[in-house]
């Protein structure tokens, strides 16, 4: 099952026949129930058995749609990444200046952590060490869901170049550098030492933009 395609269809394809819609509605119901378990019981509290009990269904009925816990976690992560993507777009709309829009976009990681802590932790854990959560195929599907976010951020960086606010450069590489800085600042927060992690994140973004010849006075 291609999880990226399936989750996209759940939200974006109204023109389905009754059987297709029923199947997708059931997948969405399973993912929502799994999301609730992760929020209240943590990742270790999510098993196929507890999920089936939560839904008042048989374990076999859950396996009919997801072959195991890893596939279920991958589905949750794809949904979580798409939540992050929507949050990013909402934040971008608040800014007009190209550099402000970049800062708002990369601040989405912290905003996502505050708005959806359990799903954020799941995605962050997978990005840090995919082998602990997903197999290679499923990790690749989560990365496929993340790619549009990176492409969107690269487009924002290229917009700033075209507006004369940044010097020319590889926008995709810059997007990865900025995301690495933002995620690094978050891990400083988890250590609970040193300066405020939000200040570290803001300064890291602005320092990188200045290094790319932005006017960040």
Protein backbone atom coordinates (compact mmCIF):
# COMPACT_ATOMS: atom_id res chain seq x y z
CA UNK A 1 0.00 0.00 0.00
CA UNK A 2 1.37 3.41 -0.97
CA UNK A 3 0.58 5.37 2.19
CA UNK A 4 1.27 8.81 0.71
CA UNK A 5 -1.17 8.17 -2.12
CA UNK A 6 -3.76 6.61 0.19
CA UNK A 7 -3.73 9.45 2.73
CA UNK A 8 -3.85 12.03 -0.07
CA UNK A 9 -6.87 10.28 -1.60
CA UNK A 10 -8.67 10.24 1.76
CA UNK A 11 -8.53 14.03 1.89
CA UNK A 12 -8.46 15.15 -1.74
CA UNK A 13 -10.53 12.79 -3.90
CA UNK A 14 -14.31 13.16 -3.58
CA UNK A 15 -15.06 11.32 -6.85
CA UNK A 16 -14.82 7.74 -5.62
CA UNK A 17 -17.29 4.92 -5.88
CA UNK A 18 -19.03 3.65 -2.77
CA UNK A 19 -16.69 0.71 -2.24
CA UNK A 20 -13.56 2.84 -2.58
CA UNK A 21 -14.91 5.48 -0.22
CA UNK A 22 -15.93 2.86 2.34
CA UNK A 23 -12.41 1.38 2.32
CA UNK A 24 -10.73 4.77 2.64
CA UNK A 25 -13.12 5.82 5.40
CA UNK A 26 -12.18 2.66 7.29
CA UNK A 27 -8.45 3.38 6.86
CA UNK A 28 -9.00 6.92 8.10
CA UNK A 29 -10.98 5.60 11.09
CA UNK A 30 -8.14 3.23 11.99
CA UNK A 31 -5.54 5.98 11.74
CA UNK A 32 -7.63 8.32 13.89
CA UNK A 33 -8.05 5.63 16.55
CA UNK A 34 -4.30 4.88 16.44
CA UNK A 35 -3.60 8.60 16.76
CA UNK A 36 -5.76 8.73 19.88
CA UNK A 37 -3.91 5.81 21.45
CA UNK A 38 -0.52 7.37 20.76
CA UNK A 39 -1.68 10.66 22.27
CA UNK A 40 -2.95 9.06 25.47
CA UNK A 41 -0.80 5.95 25.89
CA UNK A 42 2.38 6.81 24.01
CA UNK A 43 4.03 4.87 21.23
CA UNK A 44 4.50 1.74 23.36
CA UNK A 45 0.78 1.70 24.12
CA UNK A 46 -0.10 1.22 20.47
CA UNK A 47 -0.45 -2.43 19.47
CA UNK A 48 -2.71 -4.10 16.95
CA UNK A 49 -4.56 -5.73 19.86
CA UNK A 50 -5.14 -2.50 21.81
CA UNK A 51 -6.17 -0.73 18.62
CA UNK A 52 -8.70 -3.44 17.77
CA UNK A 53 -10.11 -3.24 21.31
CA UNK A 54 -10.32 0.54 21.08
CA UNK A 55 -12.31 0.24 17.87
CA UNK A 56 -14.43 -2.68 19.14
CA UNK A 57 -13.21 -4.69 16.17
CA UNK A 58 -11.33 -7.93 15.65
CA UNK A 59 -7.56 -7.90 15.27
CA UNK A 60 -8.02 -9.52 11.87
CA UNK A 61 -10.17 -6.59 10.74
CA UNK A 62 -7.30 -4.19 11.49
CA UNK A 63 -4.76 -6.43 9.75
CA UNK A 64 -6.98 -6.36 6.67
CA UNK A 65 -5.97 -2.73 6.18
CA UNK A 66 -2.55 -2.57 7.85
CA UNK A 67 -0.24 -5.61 7.83
CA UNK A 68 1.42 -4.67 11.11
CA UNK A 69 2.33 -1.97 13.62
CA UNK A 70 5.09 -0.55 11.43
CA UNK A 71 2.69 0.05 8.55
CA UNK A 72 0.30 1.69 10.99
CA UNK A 73 3.05 3.97 12.32
CA UNK A 74 4.05 4.88 8.79
CA UNK A 75 0.45 5.85 8.05
CA UNK A 76 0.36 8.01 11.18
CA UNK A 77 3.60 9.69 10.20
CA UNK A 78 2.36 10.47 6.70
CA UNK A 79 -0.75 12.08 8.21
CA UNK A 80 1.42 13.97 10.70
CA UNK A 81 3.70 15.28 7.96
CA UNK A 82 0.69 16.50 6.04
CA UNK A 83 -0.51 18.29 9.19
CA UNK A 84 2.90 19.96 9.35
CA UNK A 85 2.58 20.94 5.70
CA UNK A 86 -0.79 22.61 6.29
CA UNK A 87 0.57 24.44 9.33
CA UNK A 88 3.52 25.67 7.30
CA UNK A 89 1.23 27.08 4.61
CA UNK A 90 -0.91 28.84 7.21
CA UNK A 91 2.16 30.47 8.73
CA UNK A 92 3.57 31.55 5.37
CA UNK A 93 0.36 33.45 4.63
CA UNK A 94 1.09 35.75 7.58
CA UNK A 95 4.17 37.25 5.92
CA UNK A 96 4.74 39.40 2.84
CA UNK A 97 8.51 39.93 2.96
CA UNK A 98 10.40 36.97 1.43
CA UNK A 99 12.72 36.61 4.41
CA UNK A 100 9.89 36.80 6.94
CA UNK A 101 8.10 34.06 5.03
CA UNK A 102 11.24 31.91 5.25
CA UNK A 103 11.46 32.43 9.01
CA UNK A 104 7.77 31.63 9.43
CA UNK A 105 8.12 28.48 7.34
CA UNK A 106 11.04 27.10 9.31
CA UNK A 107 9.38 28.07 12.58
CA UNK A 108 6.67 25.55 11.70
CA UNK A 109 8.72 22.75 13.25
CA UNK A 110 8.46 24.34 16.70
CA UNK A 111 4.80 25.26 16.14
CA UNK A 112 4.07 21.65 15.17
CA UNK A 113 5.79 20.42 18.35
CA UNK A 114 3.51 22.64 20.44
CA UNK A 115 0.29 21.87 18.54
CA UNK A 116 0.73 18.10 18.06
CA UNK A 117 3.35 16.86 20.57
CA UNK A 118 2.65 13.13 20.21
CA UNK A 119 2.67 13.13 16.40
CA UNK A 120 5.64 15.47 16.39
CA UNK A 121 7.58 13.06 18.60
CA UNK A 122 6.74 10.19 16.27
CA UNK A 123 7.99 12.03 13.18
CA UNK A 124 11.05 13.41 14.96
CA UNK A 125 11.99 9.96 16.19
CA UNK A 126 11.69 8.52 12.70
CA UNK A 127 13.77 11.29 11.14
CA UNK A 128 16.45 10.86 13.79
CA UNK A 129 16.68 7.08 13.49
CA UNK A 130 14.28 5.45 10.99
CA UNK A 131 15.56 1.96 11.81
CA UNK A 132 14.05 2.22 15.30
CA UNK A 133 10.52 2.75 13.99
CA UNK A 134 10.08 1.73 10.33
CA UNK A 135 11.57 -0.62 7.79
CA UNK A 136 13.29 0.79 4.71
CA UNK A 137 10.23 0.73 2.46
CA UNK A 138 8.00 2.44 4.99
CA UNK A 139 10.67 5.00 5.89
CA UNK A 140 10.95 5.81 2.18
CA UNK A 141 7.20 6.46 2.04
CA UNK A 142 7.46 8.90 4.96
CA UNK A 143 10.35 10.66 3.22
CA UNK A 144 8.15 10.85 0.11
CA UNK A 145 5.59 12.73 2.20
CA UNK A 146 8.28 15.08 3.53
CA UNK A 147 9.71 15.94 0.11
CA UNK A 148 6.95 18.46 -0.81
CA UNK A 149 7.71 20.41 2.39
CA UNK A 150 11.37 20.64 1.45
CA UNK A 151 10.43 21.66 -2.08
CA UNK A 152 8.09 24.34 -0.74
CA UNK A 153 10.83 25.74 1.49
CA UNK A 154 13.31 25.65 -1.39
CA UNK A 155 10.80 27.63 -3.46
CA UNK A 156 10.59 30.27 -0.71
CA UNK A 157 14.37 30.56 -0.70
CA UNK A 158 14.40 30.92 -4.47
CA UNK A 159 11.72 33.62 -4.22
CA UNK A 160 14.05 35.54 -1.90
CA UNK A 161 16.85 35.21 -4.46
CA UNK A 162 14.63 36.56 -7.22
CA UNK A 163 13.60 39.45 -4.97
CA UNK A 164 17.26 40.34 -4.46
CA UNK A 165 17.23 39.46 -0.77
CA UNK A 166 19.54 36.43 -1.05
CA UNK A 167 22.53 35.70 -3.24
CA UNK A 168 22.08 32.89 -5.79
CA UNK A 169 22.65 29.40 -4.45
CA UNK A 170 21.29 25.86 -4.34
CA UNK A 171 17.87 26.40 -2.77
CA UNK A 172 17.33 22.72 -1.98
CA UNK A 173 20.65 22.43 -0.14
CA UNK A 174 19.85 25.62 1.76
CA UNK A 175 16.45 24.22 2.74
CA UNK A 176 18.13 21.11 4.19
CA UNK A 177 20.67 23.26 6.07
CA UNK A 178 17.92 25.36 7.62
CA UNK A 179 15.83 22.33 8.60
CA UNK A 180 18.91 20.72 10.17
CA UNK A 181 19.48 23.89 12.23
CA UNK A 182 15.86 24.03 13.36
CA UNK A 183 15.84 20.37 14.38
CA UNK A 184 19.17 20.81 16.16
CA UNK A 185 17.74 23.69 18.19
CA UNK A 186 14.83 21.46 19.19
CA UNK A 187 17.19 18.81 20.52
CA UNK A 188 18.92 21.48 22.61
CA UNK A 189 15.51 22.15 24.11
CA UNK A 190 15.21 18.52 25.15
CA UNK A 191 18.55 18.75 26.97
CA UNK A 192 17.21 21.67 29.03
CA UNK A 193 20.54 23.44 29.25
CA UNK A 194 22.20 26.44 27.69
CA UNK A 195 20.35 29.45 26.22
CA UNK A 196 16.67 29.40 25.32
CA UNK A 197 16.19 27.04 22.37
CA UNK A 198 13.75 29.39 20.64
CA UNK A 199 16.40 32.13 20.68
CA UNK A 200 18.97 29.65 19.35
CA UNK A 201 16.63 28.68 16.53
CA UNK A 202 15.88 32.28 15.56
CA UNK A 203 19.53 33.25 15.64
CA UNK A 204 20.55 30.19 13.61
CA UNK A 205 18.04 31.02 10.87
CA UNK A 206 19.04 34.69 10.74
CA UNK A 207 22.76 33.89 10.80
CA UNK A 208 22.35 31.55 7.85
CA UNK A 209 20.32 34.11 5.92
CA UNK A 210 22.96 36.76 6.61
CA UNK A 211 25.60 34.34 5.42
CA UNK A 212 23.67 34.01 2.17
CA UNK A 213 23.82 37.81 1.85
CA UNK A 214 20.38 38.66 3.13
CA UNK A 215 19.73 42.05 4.68
CA UNK A 216 18.87 40.83 8.19
CA UNK A 217 19.70 43.85 10.29
